[in-house]
Amino acid sequence: MKLKSPPALCFLSFLFVSVTLSLAIYLGLNQNKSPATHSEPISTHQVPSPMMADTTTPLKDGSGSFKHYNTVAPQEEKVFPLFNNKGKTAIVTGAGAGIGLAVAQALAETGANVAIWYHGNKKALDRAKEIEEEYGVKCRAYQVDVTDQKHVKEVVDQIVEEFNGRLDIMVANAGIPWTQGNFLDGEIDHYRKVMATDMDSVYYCAYAAGQHWRRQKKEGTDLNGKKLENFYSGSFIATASMSGHIVNIPQLQAAYNGAKAAIIHFVKSIAVEMVGFARANTISPGYMATEISDFVPPETKSIWRDKIPMGREGEAHELKGAYLYLASDISSYTTGTDIIVDGGYSLP
């Protein structure tokens, strides 16, 4: 015989189950929230100062979640002011000629004081004077061994002291090509030199620059204790290559390709680790008409053009826009990205 439950008992059972489920859902939704986390968007009247951004870690303690509002948007909304780098300090490595020199010129044109690094190209000294005279900014040339971590940090620190006590932009552009064909026939010393110049130097530059950006964001002052003006966050840019995405032919250059692919992923990784005080991005040029490819035979360059939809190599000044975008506050929400500028080579 089937027993009927009293109405009061059925109601109490239903009430108990409802309360239990509601409590479980509430606890589940809130178990990863810390008291300092905003549950709703900050209104436009409560936007924190850019100097209030978190400079420790973007992750919540003991979880795989990012802290909410660990960065803030610039209050400026107009285009030209966001591209304005007046009074900022920029360092560009491998800037005696080619891409690096073009980038230095672009930064100077938007008001930045620029330190250009070179290895053996003494013409960089003349280029620095020309930049000063043409754009009315401070520009100095420094001879630096980018494969020496200690030297890199010493010169970065020296430049910060000499250039208004601040650092805003670091462009790690130094690089050399692989010139020994099949890796099985190449010398191990050549491999080490390519990797040290092309990849290790990027790590050293990011490390040295990141120390200053973290302090600047945390303290809100320059090296002399003066309040920073026109500082949103640091910008780290590394020159990678389309070779970090594809395998070039007919020339063989496995080590170079590997170094450039490593740069792209390394910079994506530090983009996360420097959130709150710096952005980190890469640019991957295609074949450019610069000194780095002077050793390549004309026949090989003709084959390159066969594979480029735009039918030619790029000019260094055609990269200025990409670098300037990433260097300036106009790219405030861009980090961990790679911009390919190759005339369409990697498309087909």
Protein backbone atom coordinates (compact mmCIF):
# COMPACT_ATOMS: atom_id res chain seq x y z
CA MET A 1 0.00 0.00 0.00
CA LYS A 2 1.36 3.46 -0.98
CA LEU A 3 1.66 5.95 1.89
CA LYS A 4 0.82 9.60 1.41
CA SER A 5 3.17 12.24 2.92
CA PRO A 6 1.53 14.95 5.04
CA PRO A 7 1.36 18.33 3.20
CA ALA A 8 3.45 20.09 5.88
CA LEU A 9 6.25 17.52 5.57
CA CYS A 10 6.32 17.90 1.77
CA PHE A 11 6.57 21.68 2.09
CA LEU A 12 9.43 21.49 4.61
CA SER A 13 11.32 19.03 2.41
CA PHE A 14 10.94 21.30 -0.61
CA LEU A 15 12.07 24.35 1.41
CA PHE A 16 15.16 22.52 2.70
CA VAL A 17 16.21 21.40 -0.79
CA SER A 18 15.70 24.92 -2.24
CA VAL A 19 17.76 26.63 0.47
CA THR A 20 20.55 24.04 0.16
CA LEU A 21 20.78 24.44 -3.62
CA SER A 22 20.75 28.23 -3.41
CA LEU A 23 23.55 28.21 -0.83
CA ALA A 24 25.64 25.81 -2.94
CA ILE A 25 25.24 27.96 -6.05
CA TYR A 26 26.17 31.11 -4.15
CA LEU A 27 29.31 29.55 -2.65
CA GLY A 28 30.32 28.11 -6.02
CA LEU A 29 30.06 31.45 -7.74
CA ASN A 30 32.01 33.30 -5.07
CA GLN A 31 34.74 30.85 -4.01
CA ASN A 32 37.37 32.50 -6.28
CA LYS A 33 36.46 36.10 -5.47
CA SER A 34 38.67 38.08 -3.11
CA PRO A 35 37.26 41.00 -1.10
CA ALA A 36 39.22 43.43 -3.27
CA THR A 37 37.74 42.19 -6.56
CA HIS A 38 35.04 44.32 -8.18
CA SER A 39 31.91 42.32 -8.96
CA GLU A 40 30.64 45.01 -11.34
CA PRO A 41 32.36 47.30 -13.82
CA ILE A 42 33.85 50.50 -12.41
CA SER A 43 31.83 53.51 -13.45
CA THR A 44 33.46 56.27 -15.48
CA HIS A 45 33.42 58.41 -12.31
CA GLN A 46 35.45 55.82 -10.36
CA VAL A 47 38.23 55.00 -12.82
CA PRO A 48 41.45 54.64 -10.81
CA SER A 49 44.61 56.51 -11.66
CA PRO A 50 46.94 54.74 -14.12
CA MET A 51 49.53 54.74 -11.35
CA MET A 52 47.28 52.48 -9.27
CA ALA A 53 47.79 49.47 -11.56
CA ASP A 54 49.03 46.28 -9.89
CA THR A 55 52.78 45.81 -10.38
CA THR A 56 53.25 42.50 -8.58
CA THR A 57 51.46 39.70 -10.41
CA PRO A 58 48.39 39.71 -12.68
CA LEU A 59 47.16 36.44 -11.18
CA LYS A 60 45.04 35.94 -8.10
CA ASP A 61 46.93 34.11 -5.36
CA GLY A 62 46.52 30.35 -5.56
CA SER A 63 44.36 30.39 -8.67
CA GLY A 64 44.59 30.42 -12.43
CA SER A 65 42.46 33.54 -12.73
CA PHE A 66 43.61 37.07 -13.49
CA LYS A 67 42.93 39.92 -11.11
CA HIS A 68 40.13 42.15 -12.27
CA TYR A 69 41.04 45.70 -13.23
CA ASN A 70 44.77 45.21 -12.78
CA THR A 71 45.16 47.73 -15.62
CA VAL A 72 43.23 50.84 -16.58
CA ALA A 73 42.67 52.58 -19.89
CA PRO A 74 44.31 55.91 -20.66
CA GLN A 75 41.98 58.82 -19.98
CA GLU A 76 43.03 60.44 -23.26
CA GLU A 77 40.85 59.42 -26.20
CA LYS A 78 42.13 61.53 -29.10
CA VAL A 79 44.50 59.94 -31.61
CA PHE A 80 47.31 62.47 -31.92
CA PRO A 81 47.89 62.88 -28.17
CA LEU A 82 48.07 59.10 -27.79
CA PHE A 83 50.75 58.98 -30.49
CA ASN A 84 52.67 61.77 -28.76
CA ASN A 85 55.94 60.56 -27.21
CA LYS A 86 57.27 63.97 -26.21
CA GLY A 87 59.65 63.77 -23.25
CA LYS A 88 59.74 59.98 -23.27
CA THR A 89 62.94 57.96 -23.41
CA ALA A 90 63.40 55.22 -26.01
CA ILE A 91 66.21 52.75 -26.61
CA VAL A 92 66.59 51.04 -29.98
CA THR A 93 69.19 48.31 -30.45
CA GLY A 94 70.76 47.54 -33.82
CA ALA A 95 70.00 51.10 -34.86
CA GLY A 96 73.07 52.11 -36.82
CA ALA A 97 71.19 51.47 -40.05
CA GLY A 98 68.22 49.65 -41.55
CA ILE A 99 65.12 48.89 -39.52
CA GLY A 100 66.54 50.10 -36.22
CA LEU A 101 67.51 53.48 -37.62
CA ALA A 102 64.09 53.93 -39.22
CA VAL A 103 62.41 53.14 -35.89
CA ALA A 104 64.65 55.60 -34.05
CA GLN A 105 63.74 58.31 -36.55
CA ALA A 106 60.02 57.58 -36.15
CA LEU A 107 60.19 57.79 -32.36
CA ALA A 108 62.18 61.02 -32.52
CA GLU A 109 59.66 62.50 -34.94
CA THR A 110 56.93 61.97 -32.32
CA GLY A 111 58.99 63.68 -29.62
CA ALA A 112 60.90 60.88 -27.90
CA ASN A 113 64.50 61.21 -26.81
CA VAL A 114 66.30 58.26 -28.34
CA ALA A 115 69.37 56.20 -27.50
CA ILE A 116 70.54 54.18 -30.49
CA TRP A 117 72.73 51.12 -29.96
CA TYR A 118 75.23 49.76 -32.42
CA HIS A 119 77.84 47.01 -32.45
CA GLY A 120 80.44 47.88 -35.08
CA ASN A 121 78.78 50.44 -37.33
CA LYS A 122 80.44 53.73 -36.30
CA LYS A 123 78.11 55.61 -38.65
CA ALA A 124 75.60 55.41 -35.80
CA LEU A 125 77.41 58.34 -34.20
CA ASP A 126 76.64 60.53 -37.21
CA ARG A 127 73.07 59.24 -37.42
CA ALA A 128 72.48 60.27 -33.80
CA LYS A 129 73.64 63.82 -34.50
CA GLU A 130 71.41 63.99 -37.55
CA ILE A 131 68.38 62.87 -35.55
CA GLU A 132 69.03 65.51 -32.91
CA GLU A 133 69.33 68.27 -35.47
CA GLU A 134 66.32 67.24 -37.54
CA TYR A 135 63.81 66.50 -34.78
CA GLY A 136 65.04 68.67 -31.90
CA VAL A 137 65.28 65.81 -29.41
CA LYS A 138 68.13 64.29 -27.46
CA CYS A 139 69.79 61.41 -29.30
CA ARG A 140 72.97 59.56 -28.38
CA ALA A 141 74.72 56.50 -29.83
CA TYR A 142 76.10 53.75 -27.59
CA GLN A 143 78.31 50.85 -28.60
CA VAL A 144 76.89 47.81 -26.85
CA ASP A 145 77.54 44.07 -26.88
CA VAL A 146 73.94 42.84 -26.72
CA THR A 147 75.13 39.27 -26.06
CA ASP A 148 76.58 40.38 -22.70
CA GLN A 149 73.81 40.54 -20.10
CA LYS A 150 75.84 42.59 -17.63
CA HIS A 151 76.79 45.14 -20.27
CA VAL A 152 73.20 45.45 -21.48
CA LYS A 153 71.94 46.23 -17.99
CA GLU A 154 74.77 48.67 -17.28
CA VAL A 155 74.07 50.68 -20.42
CA VAL A 156 70.29 50.69 -19.89
CA ASP A 157 70.83 52.01 -16.36
CA GLN A 158 73.30 54.59 -17.67
CA ILE A 159 70.83 55.83 -20.29
CA VAL A 160 68.03 56.14 -17.75
CA GLU A 161 70.28 58.35 -15.64
CA GLU A 162 71.30 60.48 -18.62
CA PHE A 163 67.85 60.72 -20.26
CA ASN A 164 65.53 62.45 -17.79
CA GLY A 165 65.72 59.61 -15.25
CA ARG A 166 63.09 57.50 -17.01
CA LEU A 167 62.57 54.76 -19.59
CA ASP A 168 59.44 54.36 -21.69
CA ILE A 169 60.22 52.33 -24.81
CA MET A 170 62.67 49.52 -25.48
CA VAL A 171 63.04 48.14 -29.01
CA ALA A 172 65.16 44.97 -29.15
CA ASN A 173 66.07 44.99 -32.82
CA ALA A 174 69.67 43.72 -32.99
CA GLY A 175 70.10 40.59 -35.08
CA ILE A 176 72.36 38.72 -37.49
CA PRO A 177 71.54 36.18 -40.24
CA TRP A 178 72.46 32.52 -40.53
CA THR A 179 74.90 32.26 -43.45
CA GLN A 180 76.11 28.64 -43.43
CA GLY A 181 73.34 26.75 -45.20
CA ASN A 182 72.19 23.35 -43.96
CA PHE A 183 72.52 23.19 -40.18
CA LEU A 184 74.33 19.85 -40.52
CA ASP A 185 77.14 21.65 -42.30
CA GLY A 186 77.21 24.74 -40.11
CA GLU A 187 79.68 25.50 -37.36
CA ILE A 188 78.48 25.28 -33.77
CA ASP A 189 80.12 28.62 -32.99
CA HIS A 190 78.06 30.26 -35.74
CA TYR A 191 74.91 28.73 -34.25
CA ARG A 192 75.78 30.07 -30.80
CA LYS A 193 76.48 33.53 -32.19
CA VAL A 194 73.15 33.65 -34.03
CA MET A 195 71.19 32.49 -31.00
CA ALA A 196 73.04 34.82 -28.62
CA THR A 197 72.56 37.87 -30.83
CA ASP A 198 69.04 37.20 -32.05
CA MET A 199 67.38 35.58 -29.02
CA ASP A 200 69.46 35.98 -25.85
CA SER A 201 69.75 39.73 -26.38
CA VAL A 202 65.96 40.04 -26.38
CA TYR A 203 65.82 38.43 -22.94
CA TYR A 204 68.58 40.71 -21.63
CA CYS A 205 66.90 43.85 -22.96
CA ALA A 206 63.49 42.91 -21.56
CA TYR A 207 65.01 42.11 -18.18
CA ALA A 208 66.91 45.38 -17.90
CA ALA A 209 64.00 47.52 -19.10
CA GLY A 210 61.40 45.68 -17.05
CA GLN A 211 63.18 46.54 -13.81
CA HIS A 212 62.73 50.25 -14.50
CA TRP A 213 59.14 49.98 -15.68
CA ARG A 214 58.06 48.04 -12.62
CA ARG A 215 59.63 50.63 -10.30
CA GLN A 216 58.25 53.57 -12.28
CA LYS A 217 54.71 52.21 -12.19
CA LYS A 218 54.89 51.33 -8.52
CA GLU A 219 56.42 54.61 -7.34
CA GLY A 220 55.09 56.96 -10.01
CA THR A 221 58.37 58.84 -10.14
CA ASP A 222 61.48 59.06 -12.27
CA LEU A 223 64.91 58.05 -11.00
CA ASN A 224 65.30 61.43 -9.32
CA GLY A 225 62.05 61.20 -7.39
CA LYS A 226 60.18 63.60 -9.66
CA LYS A 227 56.56 62.75 -10.54
CA LEU A 228 56.35 61.07 -13.95
CA GLU A 229 54.41 62.87 -16.62
CA ASN A 230 53.02 61.27 -19.77
CA PHE A 231 53.77 57.73 -18.52
CA TYR A 232 51.07 55.10 -18.95
CA SER A 233 53.20 51.96 -19.10
CA GLY A 234 56.45 50.73 -20.57
CA SER A 235 56.48 49.32 -24.09
CA PHE A 236 58.78 46.47 -25.08
CA ILE A 237 59.02 45.62 -28.77
CA ALA A 238 61.19 42.87 -30.23
CA THR A 239 61.96 42.44 -33.89
CA ALA A 240 61.05 38.87 -34.82
CA SER A 241 60.56 37.78 -38.44
CA MET A 242 58.14 36.08 -40.77
CA SER A 243 60.79 33.33 -40.52
CA GLY A 244 59.37 32.63 -37.07
CA HIS A 245 56.15 31.58 -38.84
CA ILE A 246 57.35 29.91 -42.03
CA VAL A 247 60.36 27.97 -43.35
CA ASN A 248 62.25 30.07 -45.88
CA ILE A 249 63.38 28.72 -49.24
CA PRO A 250 65.61 28.46 -51.17
CA GLN A 251 68.10 29.56 -48.47
CA LEU A 252 68.48 27.24 -45.48
CA GLN A 253 68.53 28.92 -42.07
CA ALA A 254 67.09 26.67 -39.39
CA ALA A 255 68.91 28.38 -36.51
CA TYR A 256 67.72 31.83 -37.52
CA ASN A 257 64.15 30.60 -37.96
CA GLY A 258 64.25 28.92 -34.56
CA ALA A 259 65.57 32.06 -32.88
CA LYS A 260 62.81 34.19 -34.37
CA ALA A 261 60.09 31.72 -33.41
CA ALA A 262 61.51 31.69 -29.87
CA ILE A 263 61.37 35.49 -29.72
CA ILE A 264 57.68 35.51 -30.62
CA HIS A 265 56.70 33.04 -27.92
CA PHE A 266 59.03 34.49 -25.31
CA VAL A 267 57.53 37.94 -25.76
CA LYS A 268 54.00 36.54 -25.58
CA SER A 269 54.97 34.99 -22.25
CA ILE A 270 56.54 38.09 -20.72
CA ALA A 271 53.52 40.08 -21.89
CA VAL A 272 51.58 38.21 -19.20
CA GLU A 273 54.32 38.55 -16.61
CA MET A 274 54.67 42.32 -17.08
CA VAL A 275 50.95 43.13 -17.13
CA GLY A 276 50.28 46.14 -14.96
CA PHE A 277 53.43 48.07 -15.81
CA ALA A 278 54.45 47.23 -19.39
CA ARG A 279 53.19 45.89 -22.70
CA ALA A 280 55.27 43.47 -24.77
CA ASN A 281 54.84 42.77 -28.49
CA THR A 282 56.76 41.67 -31.56
CA ILE A 283 56.93 42.70 -35.19
CA SER A 284 57.74 40.15 -37.88
CA PRO A 285 59.12 41.81 -41.00
CA GLY A 286 59.36 39.94 -44.28
CA TYR A 287 62.17 40.44 -46.75
CA MET A 288 63.41 44.00 -46.37
CA ALA A 289 65.87 45.93 -48.51
CA THR A 290 68.44 46.42 -45.74
CA GLU A 291 72.10 45.62 -45.13
CA ILE A 292 71.35 42.34 -43.34
CA SER A 293 70.60 40.66 -46.70
CA ASP A 294 73.51 42.14 -48.67
CA PHE A 295 75.22 38.74 -48.73
CA VAL A 296 72.29 37.12 -50.58
CA PRO A 297 72.85 36.55 -54.34
CA PRO A 298 70.57 38.45 -56.77
CA GLU A 299 69.24 35.13 -58.10
CA THR A 300 67.95 34.22 -54.63
CA LYS A 301 66.31 37.60 -54.17
CA SER A 302 64.53 37.10 -57.48
CA ILE A 303 63.09 33.85 -56.13
CA TRP A 304 61.92 35.75 -53.05
CA ARG A 305 60.00 38.20 -55.22
CA ASP A 306 58.34 35.29 -57.03
CA LYS A 307 56.80 34.32 -53.68
CA ILE A 308 55.77 37.79 -52.46
CA PRO A 309 52.26 38.85 -53.57
CA MET A 310 53.38 42.49 -53.58
CA GLY A 311 56.29 41.53 -55.83
CA ARG A 312 59.11 43.30 -53.99
CA GLU A 313 61.07 43.62 -50.79
CA GLY A 314 59.90 46.12 -48.22
CA GLU A 315 61.65 49.36 -47.35
CA ALA A 316 62.68 50.07 -43.78
CA HIS A 317 60.46 53.15 -43.52
CA GLU A 318 57.41 51.00 -44.31
CA LEU A 319 57.79 49.50 -40.85
CA LYS A 320 57.65 52.81 -38.99
CA GLY A 321 53.88 52.72 -38.54
CA ALA A 322 53.84 49.30 -36.90
CA TYR A 323 56.60 50.14 -34.44
CA LEU A 324 55.16 53.55 -33.64
CA TYR A 325 51.76 52.01 -32.93
CA LEU A 326 53.19 49.54 -30.44
CA ALA A 327 55.54 52.07 -28.84
CA SER A 328 52.83 54.67 -28.19
CA ASP A 329 49.91 54.75 -25.78
CA ILE A 330 47.53 54.32 -28.72
CA SER A 331 48.21 50.58 -28.30
CA SER A 332 47.28 50.57 -24.60
CA TYR A 333 45.15 47.39 -24.96
CA THR A 334 47.62 45.56 -27.21
CA THR A 335 50.02 43.14 -25.59
CA GLY A 336 51.43 39.74 -26.52
CA THR A 337 50.69 40.24 -30.20
CA ASP A 338 52.86 39.80 -33.29
CA ILE A 339 52.41 42.04 -36.31
CA ILE A 340 53.51 40.46 -39.60
CA VAL A 341 54.66 42.99 -42.22
CA ASP A 342 55.79 40.88 -45.19
CA GLY A 343 53.99 42.09 -48.30
CA GLY A 344 51.74 39.04 -48.07
CA TYR A 345 54.54 36.44 -48.28
CA SER A 346 53.12 34.22 -45.53
CA LEU A 347 49.57 34.27 -46.94
CA PRO A 348 49.58 31.72 -49.81
